């Protein structure tokens, strides 16, 4: 349901739909496009574009570490 909602975003949705339903090259190009978008964000917003995703991923990585150490 969330994925179908993301398909309605004009440019990102087209790329995402092609990555999900397309071949391997489409998936690689989707990742390359995301990296280029992140590089442009770093050029425009500076160091904050690197720090904010890292801070947002910190709880996720901590949860993964906790799950792995619990042995489940």
PDB file of N, CA and C in Angstrom:
ATOM      1  N   UNK A   1       0.816  -1.183   0.000  1.00  0.00           N
ATOM      2  CA  UNK A   1       0.000   0.000   0.000  1.00  0.00           C
ATOM      3  C   UNK A   1       0.867   1.257   0.000  1.00  0.00           C
ATOM      4  N   UNK A   2       1.917   1.261   0.820  1.00  0.00           N
ATOM      5  CA  UNK A   2       2.821   2.406   0.846  1.00  0.00           C
ATOM      6  C   UNK A   2       3.563   2.506  -0.476  1.00  0.00           C
ATOM      7  N   UNK A   3       3.956   1.362  -1.012  1.00  0.00           N
ATOM      8  CA  UNK A   3       4.670   1.357  -2.287  1.00  0.00           C
ATOM      9  C   UNK A   3       3.789   1.901  -3.402  1.00  0.00           C
ATOM     10  N   UNK A   4       2.525   1.543  -3.394  1.00  0.00           N
ATOM     11  CA  UNK A   4       1.601   2.071  -4.414  1.00  0.00           C
ATOM     12  C   UNK A   4       1.428   3.572  -4.267  1.00  0.00           C
ATOM     13  N   UNK A   5       1.456   4.070  -3.029  1.00  0.00           N
ATOM     14  CA  UNK A   5       1.355   5.514  -2.814  1.00  0.00           C
ATOM     15  C   UNK A   5       2.611   6.220  -3.312  1.00  0.00           C
ATOM     16  N   UNK A   6       3.762   5.579  -3.145  1.00  0.00           N
ATOM     17  CA  UNK A   6       5.010   6.177  -3.635  1.00  0.00           C
ATOM     18  C   UNK A   6       5.066   6.216  -5.154  1.00  0.00           C
ATOM     19  N   UNK A   7       4.360   5.318  -5.813  1.00  0.00           N
ATOM     20  CA  UNK A   7       4.331   5.322  -7.277  1.00  0.00           C
ATOM     21  C   UNK A   7       3.695   6.594  -7.831  1.00  0.00           C
ATOM     22  N   UNK A   8       2.868   7.271  -7.050  1.00  0.00           N
ATOM     23  CA  UNK A   8       2.164   8.459  -7.532  1.00  0.00           C
ATOM     24  C   UNK A   8       3.035   9.712  -7.496  1.00  0.00           C
ATOM     25  N   UNK A   9       4.202   9.664  -6.848  1.00  0.00           N
ATOM     26  CA  UNK A   9       5.116  10.810  -6.858  1.00  0.00           C
ATOM     27  C   UNK A   9       5.720  10.892  -8.253  1.00  0.00           C
ATOM     28  N   UNK A  10       5.621  12.044  -8.922  1.00  0.00           N
ATOM     29  CA  UNK A  10       5.914  12.113 -10.360  1.00  0.00           C
ATOM     30  C   UNK A  10       7.218  11.476 -10.834  1.00  0.00           C
ATOM     31  N   UNK A  11       8.356  11.947 -10.460  1.00  0.00           N
ATOM     32  CA  UNK A  11       9.595  11.397 -11.024  1.00  0.00           C
ATOM     33  C   UNK A  11      10.088  10.211 -10.202  1.00  0.00           C
ATOM     34  N   UNK A  12      10.069  10.350  -8.881  1.00  0.00           N
ATOM     35  CA  UNK A  12      10.540   9.271  -8.016  1.00  0.00           C
ATOM     36  C   UNK A  12       9.707   8.006  -8.195  1.00  0.00           C
ATOM     37  N   UNK A  13       8.410   8.164  -8.354  1.00  0.00           N
ATOM     38  CA  UNK A  13       7.522   7.011  -8.531  1.00  0.00           C
ATOM     39  C   UNK A  13       7.810   6.243  -9.803  1.00  0.00           C
ATOM     40  N   UNK A  14       8.096   6.969 -10.874  1.00  0.00           N
ATOM     41  CA  UNK A  14       8.423   6.299 -12.135  1.00  0.00           C
ATOM     42  C   UNK A  14       9.709   5.497 -11.997  1.00  0.00           C
ATOM     43  N   UNK A  15      10.707   6.103 -11.359  1.00  0.00           N
ATOM     44  CA  UNK A  15      11.974   5.394 -11.173  1.00  0.00           C
ATOM     45  C   UNK A  15      11.801   4.190 -10.250  1.00  0.00           C
ATOM     46  N   UNK A  16      11.024   4.360  -9.180  1.00  0.00           N
ATOM     47  CA  UNK A  16      10.798   3.268  -8.235  1.00  0.00           C
ATOM     48  C   UNK A  16      10.031   2.123  -8.881  1.00  0.00           C
ATOM     49  N   UNK A  17       9.008   2.439  -9.661  1.00  0.00           N
ATOM     50  CA  UNK A  17       8.231   1.398 -10.343  1.00  0.00           C
ATOM     51  C   UNK A  17       9.125   0.623 -11.307  1.00  0.00           C
ATOM     52  N   UNK A  18       9.981   1.336 -12.019  1.00  0.00           N
ATOM     53  CA  UNK A  18      10.889   0.678 -12.952  1.00  0.00           C
ATOM     54  C   UNK A  18      11.900  -0.188 -12.204  1.00  0.00           C
ATOM     55  N   UNK A  19      12.352   0.257 -11.034  1.00  0.00           N
ATOM     56  CA  UNK A  19      13.306  -0.527 -10.255  1.00  0.00           C
ATOM     57  C   UNK A  19      12.658  -1.789  -9.684  1.00  0.00           C
ATOM     58  N   UNK A  20      11.402  -1.688  -9.266  1.00  0.00           N
ATOM     59  CA  UNK A  20      10.721  -2.847  -8.677  1.00  0.00           C
ATOM     60  C   UNK A  20      10.345  -3.865  -9.741  1.00  0.00           C
ATOM     61  N   UNK A  21       9.825  -3.398 -10.860  1.00  0.00           N
ATOM     62  CA  UNK A  21       9.316  -4.307 -11.883  1.00  0.00           C
ATOM     63  C   UNK A  21      10.281  -4.507 -13.048  1.00  0.00           C
ATOM     64  N   UNK A  22      11.378  -3.773 -13.069  1.00  0.00           N
ATOM     65  CA  UNK A  22      12.300  -3.847 -14.197  1.00  0.00           C
ATOM     66  C   UNK A  22      13.401  -4.871 -14.002  1.00  0.00           C
ATOM     67  N   UNK A  23      14.393  -4.765 -14.861  1.00  0.00           N
ATOM     68  CA  UNK A  23      15.510  -5.707 -14.805  1.00  0.00           C
ATOM     69  C   UNK A  23      16.606  -5.184 -13.877  1.00  0.00           C
ATOM     70  N   UNK A  24      17.744  -5.859 -13.879  1.00  0.00           N
ATOM     71  CA  UNK A  24      18.846  -5.513 -12.990  1.00  0.00           C
ATOM     72  C   UNK A  24      19.410  -4.133 -13.295  1.00  0.00           C
ATOM     73  N   UNK A  25      19.496  -3.775 -14.554  1.00  0.00           N
ATOM     74  CA  UNK A  25      20.017  -2.459 -14.925  1.00  0.00           C
ATOM     75  C   UNK A  25      19.144  -1.342 -14.356  1.00  0.00           C
ATOM     76  N   UNK A  26      17.853  -1.538 -14.335  1.00  0.00           N
ATOM     77  CA  UNK A  26      16.946  -0.532 -13.767  1.00  0.00           C
ATOM     78  C   UNK A  26      17.205  -0.341 -12.281  1.00  0.00           C
ATOM     79  N   UNK A  27      17.470  -1.417 -11.578  1.00  0.00           N
ATOM     80  CA  UNK A  27      17.760  -1.325 -10.142  1.00  0.00           C
ATOM     81  C   UNK A  27      19.079  -0.614  -9.897  1.00  0.00           C
ATOM     82  N   UNK A  28      20.072  -0.924 -10.704  1.00  0.00           N
ATOM     83  CA  UNK A  28      21.373  -0.269 -10.561  1.00  0.00           C
ATOM     84  C   UNK A  28      21.246   1.226 -10.837  1.00  0.00           C
ATOM     85  N   UNK A  29      20.527   1.579 -11.888  1.00  0.00           N
ATOM     86  CA  UNK A  29      20.352   2.991 -12.220  1.00  0.00           C
ATOM     87  C   UNK A  29      19.534   3.728 -11.157  1.00  0.00           C
ATOM     88  N   UNK A  30      18.595   3.045 -10.511  1.00  0.00           N
ATOM     89  CA  UNK A  30      17.833   3.659  -9.422  1.00  0.00           C
ATOM     90  C   UNK A  30      18.760   4.010  -8.260  1.00  0.00           C
ATOM     91  N   UNK A  31      19.646   3.086  -7.905  1.00  0.00           N
ATOM     92  CA  UNK A  31      20.595   3.346  -6.819  1.00  0.00           C
ATOM     93  C   UNK A  31      21.551   4.472  -7.206  1.00  0.00           C
ATOM     94  N   UNK A  32      22.007   4.475  -8.451  1.00  0.00           N
ATOM     95  CA  UNK A  32      22.890   5.546  -8.920  1.00  0.00           C
ATOM     96  C   UNK A  32      22.173   6.892  -8.843  1.00  0.00           C
ATOM     97  N   UNK A  33      20.913   6.930  -9.231  1.00  0.00           N
ATOM     98  CA  UNK A  33      20.145   8.177  -9.148  1.00  0.00           C
ATOM     99  C   UNK A  33      19.996   8.655  -7.710  1.00  0.00           C
ATOM    100  N   UNK A  34      19.787   7.737  -6.776  1.00  0.00           N
ATOM    101  CA  UNK A  34      19.696   8.129  -5.373  1.00  0.00           C
ATOM    102  C   UNK A  34      21.019   8.686  -4.868  1.00  0.00           C
ATOM    103  N   UNK A  35      22.131   8.075  -5.280  1.00  0.00           N
ATOM    104  CA  UNK A  35      23.446   8.573  -4.868  1.00  0.00           C
ATOM    105  C   UNK A  35      23.735   9.950  -5.459  1.00  0.00           C
ATOM    106  N   UNK A  36      23.347  10.164  -6.707  1.00  0.00           N
ATOM    107  CA  UNK A  36      23.530  11.478  -7.328  1.00  0.00           C
ATOM    108  C   UNK A  36      22.667  12.518  -6.624  1.00  0.00           C
ATOM    109  N   UNK A  37      21.443  12.146  -6.266  1.00  0.00           N
ATOM    110  CA  UNK A  37      20.569  13.063  -5.542  1.00  0.00           C
ATOM    111  C   UNK A  37      21.164  13.430  -4.186  1.00  0.00           C
ATOM    112  N   UNK A  38      21.748  12.448  -3.507  1.00  0.00           N
ATOM    113  CA  UNK A  38      22.394  12.706  -2.219  1.00  0.00           C
ATOM    114  C   UNK A  38      23.613  13.605  -2.404  1.00  0.00           C
ATOM    115  N   UNK A  39      24.399  13.380  -3.452  1.00  0.00           N
ATOM    116  CA  UNK A  39      25.559  14.229  -3.725  1.00  0.00           C
ATOM    117  C   UNK A  39      25.126  15.669  -4.010  1.00  0.00           C
ATOM    118  N   UNK A  40      24.039  15.834  -4.740  1.00  0.00           N
ATOM    119  CA  UNK A  40      23.524  17.185  -4.988  1.00  0.00           C
ATOM    120  C   UNK A  40      23.049  17.839  -3.690  1.00  0.00           C
ATOM    121  N   UNK A  41      22.441  17.059  -2.812  1.00  0.00           N
ATOM    122  CA  UNK A  41      22.015  17.604  -1.522  1.00  0.00           C
ATOM    123  C   UNK A  41      23.220  18.048  -0.700  1.00  0.00           C
ATOM    124  N   UNK A  42      24.314  17.291  -0.769  1.00  0.00           N
ATOM    125  CA  UNK A  42      25.535  17.685  -0.061  1.00  0.00           C
ATOM    126  C   UNK A  42      26.093  18.970  -0.657  1.00  0.00           C
ATOM    127  N   UNK A  43      26.052  19.092  -1.976  1.00  0.00           N
ATOM    128  CA  UNK A  43      26.553  20.309  -2.610  1.00  0.00           C
ATOM    129  C   UNK A  43      25.688  21.520  -2.244  1.00  0.00           C
ATOM    130  N   UNK A  44      24.389  21.329  -2.131  1.00  0.00           N
ATOM    131  CA  UNK A  44      23.485  22.450  -1.850  1.00  0.00           C
ATOM    132  C   UNK A  44      23.441  22.772  -0.356  1.00  0.00           C
ATOM    133  N   UNK A  45      23.254  21.751   0.486  1.00  0.00           N
ATOM    134  CA  UNK A  45      23.042  21.979   1.912  1.00  0.00           C
ATOM    135  C   UNK A  45      24.292  21.771   2.750  1.00  0.00           C
ATOM    136  N   UNK A  46      25.332  21.222   2.171  1.00  0.00           N
ATOM    137  CA  UNK A  46      26.587  21.053   2.895  1.00  0.00           C
ATOM    138  C   UNK A  46      26.601  19.830   3.794  1.00  0.00           C
ATOM    139  N   UNK A  47      27.332  19.988   4.888  1.00  0.00           N
ATOM    140  CA  UNK A  47      27.603  18.887   5.803  1.00  0.00           C
ATOM    141  C   UNK A  47      26.333  18.315   6.435  1.00  0.00           C
ATOM    142  N   UNK A  48      25.295  19.112   6.545  1.00  0.00           N
ATOM    143  CA  UNK A  48      24.039  18.643   7.154  1.00  0.00           C
ATOM    144  C   UNK A  48      23.410  17.512   6.349  1.00  0.00           C
ATOM    145  N   UNK A  49      23.624  17.491   5.046  1.00  0.00           N
ATOM    146  CA  UNK A  49      23.062  16.428   4.210  1.00  0.00           C
ATOM    147  C   UNK A  49      23.746  15.089   4.464  1.00  0.00           C
ATOM    148  N   UNK A  50      24.913  15.111   5.077  1.00  0.00           N
ATOM    149  CA  UNK A  50      25.594  13.865   5.451  1.00  0.00           C
ATOM    150  C   UNK A  50      25.204  13.454   6.868  1.00  0.00           C
ATOM    151  N   UNK A  51      25.136  14.419   7.761  1.00  0.00           N
ATOM    152  CA  UNK A  51      24.894  14.135   9.171  1.00  0.00           C
ATOM    153  C   UNK A  51      23.454  13.690   9.444  1.00  0.00           C
ATOM    154  N   UNK A  52      22.471  14.337   8.845  1.00  0.00           N
ATOM    155  CA  UNK A  52      21.067  14.032   9.156  1.00  0.00           C
ATOM    156  C   UNK A  52      20.690  12.591   8.799  1.00  0.00           C
ATOM    157  N   UNK A  53      21.055  12.059   7.606  1.00  0.00           N
ATOM    158  CA  UNK A  53      20.747  10.636   7.363  1.00  0.00           C
ATOM    159  C   UNK A  53      21.468   9.696   8.329  1.00  0.00           C
ATOM    160  N   UNK A  54      22.692  10.052   8.714  1.00  0.00           N
ATOM    161  CA  UNK A  54      23.416   9.213   9.670  1.00  0.00           C
ATOM    162  C   UNK A  54      22.717   9.216  11.027  1.00  0.00           C
ATOM    163  N   UNK A  55      22.250  10.369  11.460  1.00  0.00           N
ATOM    164  CA  UNK A  55      21.530  10.439  12.735  1.00  0.00           C
ATOM    165  C   UNK A  55      20.193   9.710  12.675  1.00  0.00           C
ATOM    166  N   UNK A  56      19.543   9.740  11.527  1.00  0.00           N
ATOM    167  CA  UNK A  56      18.272   9.032  11.386  1.00  0.00           C
ATOM    168  C   UNK A  56      18.461   7.516  11.341  1.00  0.00           C
ATOM    169  N   UNK A  57      19.598   7.056  10.849  1.00  0.00           N
ATOM    170  CA  UNK A  57      19.847   5.615  10.776  1.00  0.00           C
ATOM    171  C   UNK A  57      20.382   5.032  12.086  1.00  0.00           C
ATOM    172  N   UNK A  58      20.819   5.872  13.010  1.00  0.00           N
ATOM    173  CA  UNK A  58      21.396   5.387  14.258  1.00  0.00           C
ATOM    174  C   UNK A  58      20.430   4.506  15.054  1.00  0.00           C
ATOM    175  N   UNK A  59      19.180   4.894  15.286  1.00  0.00           N
ATOM    176  CA  UNK A  59      18.276   3.992  16.019  1.00  0.00           C
ATOM    177  C   UNK A  59      18.007   2.685  15.279  1.00  0.00           C
ATOM    178  N   UNK A  60      17.980   2.740  13.964  1.00  0.00           N
ATOM    179  CA  UNK A  60      17.747   1.529  13.178  1.00  0.00           C
ATOM    180  C   UNK A  60      18.892   0.541  13.356  1.00  0.00           C
ATOM    181  N   UNK A  61      20.107   1.036  13.247  1.00  0.00           N
ATOM    182  CA  UNK A  61      21.278   0.169  13.409  1.00  0.00           C
ATOM    183  C   UNK A  61      21.350  -0.366  14.836  1.00  0.00           C
ATOM    184  N   UNK A  62      21.031   0.472  15.814  1.00  0.00           N
ATOM    185  CA  UNK A  62      21.018   0.015  17.202  1.00  0.00           C
ATOM    186  C   UNK A  62      19.988  -1.098  17.400  1.00  0.00           C
ATOM    187  N   UNK A  63      18.816  -0.960  16.809  1.00  0.00           N
ATOM    188  CA  UNK A  63      17.789  -2.002  16.917  1.00  0.00           C
ATOM    189  C   UNK A  63      18.250  -3.296  16.257  1.00  0.00           C
ATOM    190  N   UNK A  64      18.932  -3.190  15.122  1.00  0.00           N
ATOM    191  CA  UNK A  64      19.453  -4.387  14.449  1.00  0.00           C
ATOM    192  C   UNK A  64      20.493  -5.076  15.318  1.00  0.00           C
ATOM    193  N   UNK A  65      21.368  -4.304  15.939  1.00  0.00           N
ATOM    194  CA  UNK A  65      22.385  -4.884  16.819  1.00  0.00           C
ATOM    195  C   UNK A  65      21.725  -5.576  18.009  1.00  0.00           C
ATOM    196  N   UNK A  66      20.707  -4.965  18.589  1.00  0.00           N
ATOM    197  CA  UNK A  66      20.011  -5.571  19.726  1.00  0.00           C
ATOM    198  C   UNK A  66      19.339  -6.871  19.310  1.00  0.00           C
ATOM    199  N   UNK A  67      18.695  -6.896  18.155  1.00  0.00           N
ATOM    200  CA  UNK A  67      18.029  -8.115  17.685  1.00  0.00           C
ATOM    201  C   UNK A  67      19.046  -9.226  17.453  1.00  0.00           C
ATOM    202  N   UNK A  68      20.199  -8.895  16.863  1.00  0.00           N
ATOM    203  CA  UNK A  68      21.217  -9.917  16.615  1.00  0.00           C
ATOM    204  C   UNK A  68      21.822 -10.444  17.908  1.00  0.00           C
ATOM    205  N   UNK A  69      21.997  -9.587  18.901  1.00  0.00           N
ATOM    206  CA  UNK A  69      22.604 -10.051  20.147  1.00  0.00           C
ATOM    207  C   UNK A  69      21.621 -10.831  21.013  1.00  0.00           C
ATOM    208  N   UNK A  70      20.319 -10.670  20.786  1.00  0.00           N
ATOM    209  CA  UNK A  70      19.346 -11.463  21.528  1.00  0.00           C
ATOM    210  C   UNK A  70      19.302 -12.904  21.038  1.00  0.00           C
ATOM    211  N   UNK A  71      19.800 -13.158  19.847  1.00  0.00           N
ATOM    212  CA  UNK A  71      19.842 -14.509  19.318  1.00  0.00           C
ATOM    213  C   UNK A  71      18.546 -14.967  18.687  1.00  0.00           C
ATOM    214  N   UNK A  72      17.700 -14.060  18.287  1.00  0.00           N
ATOM    215  CA  UNK A  72      16.428 -14.438  17.667  1.00  0.00           C
ATOM    216  C   UNK A  72      16.548 -14.482  16.185  1.00  0.00           C
TER     217      UNK A  72
END
